[in-house]
Amino acid sequence: MSNPGTAHASSGIDYQLAFDLAPVGLVLSRHRTMVDCNRAVCEMFGASREQLVGQSFQILYPSADEYQRTGERIAPIMNAKGHYADDRLMKRLDGPLKGETFWCHVTGRSLDRHDPHAAGIWSFEDLSARRTVKADLTAREREVAALVMQGMTAKEIGKVLAISHRTVEIYRARLMRKYRASGTADLVQRLLSGG
C-alpha cells in the first residue's frame, strides 16, 4: 500500500498531515490489521498509535464473535460494491473510558474488490454524543440492534446474520424489554436516542 505521502508537488498539500489531522477517524488496513491510523481514531478509542498499528481490528470490537461475523458479512458486499458502511457497537481500548461500548459509524473501501480484506481504508465516526448505549447487551443483541435501526425486518436480519427469523424475534423481544419499548418503532427510537 502506498503511503499517503508527503507534500504533493503540484498542489502543495501535505497528504500525510491531512490524513493525520482529518476530522474523522481513518485507518489503513491489510488483512484486517491496522497498518496506519490518524489522531481521531486514537482519541476515539482512547489509545496511542503504537497500541493500534500492527493490531487486528478485533481489539476494537466488544467480542471476538462480533469481529468474526462482521468480517464475514462485509466480504460479499465489498466484493460486489467495493465499499461498505454500517453503524455498529465498538469498544474503547484504553483511557478513562476503557471497555466502554459506543455506537460508531464505520465506512470502508477495499483497494481490491476481489480480495476485500487485502487492503483498504476505513473511516470511524463516534456517534456516542447523540446515541448512547444504556443497556448491557449481548453480542447478538448488539448485532440485531444495529440492523433493527436500519429498518430491517426479522426475516431480513435473519438472512444477514444467518439465523432464523424466529431467533431474531427473540432477540428483538429482549431488546424491547431492556429498553422498555412498546414496539419495534419505539425500540428504534430509543436505540437512536440512547433512551
Protein backbone atom coordinates (compact mmCIF):
# COMPACT_ATOMS: atom_id res chain seq x y z
CA MET A 1 0.00 0.00 0.00
CA SER A 2 1.42 3.34 -0.92
CA ASN A 3 1.98 5.88 1.80
CA PRO A 4 -0.42 8.86 1.71
CA GLY A 5 2.84 10.69 1.14
CA THR A 6 4.48 13.99 1.71
CA ALA A 7 3.67 17.28 0.02
CA HIS A 8 2.28 16.83 -3.46
CA ALA A 9 4.41 18.97 -5.73
CA SER A 10 1.63 20.46 -7.84
CA SER A 11 -0.87 21.21 -5.06
CA GLY A 12 1.35 21.95 -2.09
CA ILE A 13 -0.88 19.74 0.09
CA ASP A 14 0.82 17.55 2.69
CA TYR A 15 -1.32 14.41 2.41
CA GLN A 16 0.23 12.73 5.44
CA LEU A 17 -0.66 15.75 7.57
CA ALA A 18 -4.17 15.84 6.07
CA PHE A 19 -4.61 12.13 6.93
CA ASP A 20 -3.34 12.64 10.47
CA LEU A 21 -5.49 15.72 11.17
CA ALA A 22 -8.68 14.57 9.37
CA PRO A 23 -11.83 15.33 11.40
CA VAL A 24 -12.91 11.66 11.28
CA GLY A 25 -11.01 8.56 12.34
CA LEU A 26 -9.08 6.97 9.47
CA VAL A 27 -7.32 3.61 9.35
CA LEU A 28 -5.36 1.95 6.55
CA SER A 29 -5.57 -1.83 6.77
CA ARG A 30 -4.15 -5.06 5.38
CA HIS A 31 -5.97 -8.32 6.06
CA ARG A 32 -7.97 -6.69 8.87
CA THR A 33 -4.81 -5.45 10.60
CA MET A 34 -4.28 -1.74 11.17
CA VAL A 35 -1.17 -0.52 9.33
CA ASP A 36 -1.70 3.20 9.94
CA CYS A 37 -4.23 5.37 11.76
CA ASN A 38 -4.82 9.02 12.46
CA ARG A 39 -5.21 11.04 15.65
CA ALA A 40 -9.02 10.96 15.58
CA VAL A 41 -9.02 7.15 15.80
CA CYS A 42 -6.57 7.24 18.71
CA GLU A 43 -8.72 9.77 20.57
CA MET A 44 -11.94 7.88 19.81
CA PHE A 45 -10.66 4.55 21.11
CA GLY A 46 -8.57 6.05 23.93
CA ALA A 47 -5.38 4.52 22.57
CA SER A 48 -1.99 5.55 21.28
CA ARG A 49 -0.95 4.95 17.69
CA GLU A 50 1.54 2.36 18.99
CA GLN A 51 -1.31 0.44 20.65
CA LEU A 52 -3.24 0.26 17.37
CA VAL A 53 -0.78 -0.07 14.48
CA GLY A 54 0.05 -3.72 13.82
CA GLN A 55 -3.03 -4.93 15.71
CA SER A 56 -6.09 -6.71 14.37
CA PHE A 57 -9.33 -4.73 14.26
CA GLN A 58 -10.60 -7.37 16.71
CA ILE A 59 -9.28 -5.32 19.67
CA LEU A 60 -11.86 -2.62 18.84
CA TYR A 61 -14.87 -4.98 18.95
CA PRO A 62 -16.84 -5.86 22.08
CA SER A 63 -16.33 -9.58 21.32
CA ALA A 64 -14.32 -11.88 19.05
CA ASP A 65 -17.58 -13.32 17.67
CA GLU A 66 -18.75 -9.89 16.50
CA TYR A 67 -15.41 -9.28 14.82
CA GLN A 68 -15.62 -12.63 13.02
CA ARG A 69 -19.26 -12.29 11.93
CA THR A 70 -18.80 -8.69 10.79
CA GLY A 71 -15.85 -9.73 8.63
CA GLU A 72 -17.92 -12.49 7.06
CA ARG A 73 -20.80 -10.07 6.34
CA ILE A 74 -18.53 -7.38 4.86
CA ALA A 75 -16.68 -9.54 2.34
CA PRO A 76 -19.51 -10.29 -0.14
CA ILE A 77 -20.78 -6.69 -0.04
CA MET A 78 -17.30 -5.32 -0.71
CA ASN A 79 -16.83 -7.91 -3.46
CA ALA A 80 -19.96 -6.57 -5.16
CA LYS A 81 -19.65 -2.83 -4.45
CA GLY A 82 -16.07 -2.17 -3.39
CA HIS A 83 -17.26 -0.34 -0.27
CA TYR A 84 -19.24 -0.97 2.92
CA ALA A 85 -20.86 1.12 5.67
CA ASP A 86 -22.83 0.46 8.84
CA ASP A 87 -23.46 1.61 12.40
CA ARG A 88 -22.14 -0.81 14.98
CA LEU A 89 -21.12 -1.00 18.59
CA MET A 90 -17.37 -0.72 19.13
CA LYS A 91 -15.26 -0.78 22.31
CA ARG A 92 -12.89 1.81 23.77
CA LEU A 93 -9.46 0.23 24.08
CA ASP A 94 -7.85 2.29 26.82
CA GLY A 95 -8.01 5.54 28.74
CA PRO A 96 -10.64 6.72 31.23
CA LEU A 97 -13.46 5.06 29.23
CA LYS A 98 -11.62 1.73 28.75
CA GLY A 99 -14.02 -1.11 27.91
CA GLU A 100 -16.98 1.22 27.22
CA THR A 101 -19.09 0.25 24.21
CA PHE A 102 -20.26 3.03 21.90
CA TRP A 103 -22.11 3.45 18.62
CA CYS A 104 -19.79 4.06 15.71
CA HIS A 105 -20.46 4.70 12.01
CA VAL A 106 -17.91 2.69 10.04
CA THR A 107 -17.26 3.09 6.31
CA GLY A 108 -14.71 1.14 4.33
CA ARG A 109 -13.38 0.95 0.82
CA SER A 110 -11.43 -2.01 -0.47
CA LEU A 111 -8.45 -1.35 -2.72
CA ASP A 112 -9.15 -4.70 -4.45
CA ARG A 113 -12.79 -5.75 -4.79
CA HIS A 114 -11.82 -9.36 -5.44
CA ASP A 115 -9.92 -9.58 -2.14
CA PRO A 116 -11.83 -7.12 0.08
CA HIS A 117 -9.80 -7.66 3.24
CA ALA A 118 -6.40 -7.49 1.49
CA ALA A 119 -6.07 -3.70 1.75
CA GLY A 120 -8.47 -0.90 2.50
CA ILE A 121 -9.18 2.43 4.08
CA TRP A 122 -11.73 2.77 6.87
CA SER A 123 -13.36 5.78 8.48
CA PHE A 124 -14.81 5.79 12.00
CA GLU A 125 -17.25 8.34 13.37
CA ASP A 126 -18.09 8.26 17.08
CA LEU A 127 -21.89 8.56 17.45
CA SER A 128 -21.92 8.46 21.26
CA ALA A 129 -22.67 12.18 21.62
CA ARG A 130 -26.10 11.65 20.07
CA ARG A 131 -26.65 7.91 20.63
CA THR A 132 -25.60 6.41 23.96
CA VAL A 133 -25.64 2.77 24.99
CA LYS A 134 -27.96 2.50 28.00
CA ALA A 135 -28.48 -1.27 28.30
CA ASP A 136 -25.99 -4.08 28.84
CA LEU A 137 -26.34 -6.04 25.60
CA THR A 138 -25.05 -9.43 24.47
CA ALA A 139 -23.07 -9.75 21.23
CA ARG A 140 -26.14 -10.94 19.27
CA GLU A 141 -28.34 -8.24 20.79
CA ARG A 142 -25.83 -5.61 19.64
CA GLU A 143 -25.88 -7.04 16.10
CA VAL A 144 -29.68 -7.24 16.00
CA ALA A 145 -29.99 -3.71 17.43
CA ALA A 146 -27.76 -2.30 14.69
CA LEU A 147 -29.88 -3.94 11.98
CA VAL A 148 -33.21 -3.02 13.62
CA MET A 149 -32.07 0.63 13.46
CA GLN A 150 -31.62 0.22 9.71
CA GLY A 151 -35.32 -0.68 9.46
CA MET A 152 -34.77 -4.33 8.59
CA THR A 153 -37.47 -6.94 9.22
CA ALA A 154 -36.84 -10.07 11.29
CA LYS A 155 -36.52 -12.09 8.06
CA GLU A 156 -34.00 -9.64 6.58
CA ILE A 157 -31.98 -9.60 9.81
CA GLY A 158 -32.08 -13.39 9.96
CA LYS A 159 -30.69 -13.59 6.44
CA VAL A 160 -27.87 -11.12 7.21
CA LEU A 161 -26.92 -12.87 10.48
CA ALA A 162 -27.56 -16.41 9.14
CA ILE A 163 -30.07 -17.19 11.90
CA SER A 164 -33.81 -17.90 11.77
CA HIS A 165 -36.28 -15.01 11.81
CA ARG A 166 -37.81 -16.58 14.95
CA THR A 167 -34.45 -16.28 16.70
CA VAL A 168 -34.27 -12.65 15.59
CA GLU A 169 -37.73 -12.08 17.08
CA ILE A 170 -36.49 -13.47 20.41
CA TYR A 171 -33.53 -11.08 20.42
CA ARG A 172 -35.74 -8.17 19.38
CA ALA A 173 -38.14 -9.00 22.24
CA ARG A 174 -35.20 -9.00 24.67
CA LEU A 175 -34.11 -5.61 23.33
CA MET A 176 -37.64 -4.24 23.76
CA ARG A 177 -37.65 -5.41 27.39
CA LYS A 178 -34.21 -3.94 28.10
CA TYR A 179 -35.15 -0.61 26.52
CA ARG A 180 -38.75 -0.72 27.85
CA ALA A 181 -40.03 -0.26 24.30
CA SER A 182 -43.68 -0.76 23.40
CA GLY A 183 -42.94 -1.99 19.87
CA THR A 184 -40.34 -2.07 17.13
CA ALA A 185 -40.80 1.59 16.15
CA ASP A 186 -40.43 2.63 19.79
CA LEU A 187 -37.35 0.40 20.10
CA VAL A 188 -35.75 2.07 17.06
CA GLN A 189 -36.48 5.50 18.55
CA ARG A 190 -34.99 4.51 21.92
CA LEU A 191 -31.89 2.99 20.30
CA LEU A 192 -31.37 6.08 18.16
CA SER A 193 -31.84 8.45 21.10
CA GLY A 194 -29.93 6.28 23.56
CA GLY A 195 -33.01 6.23 25.78
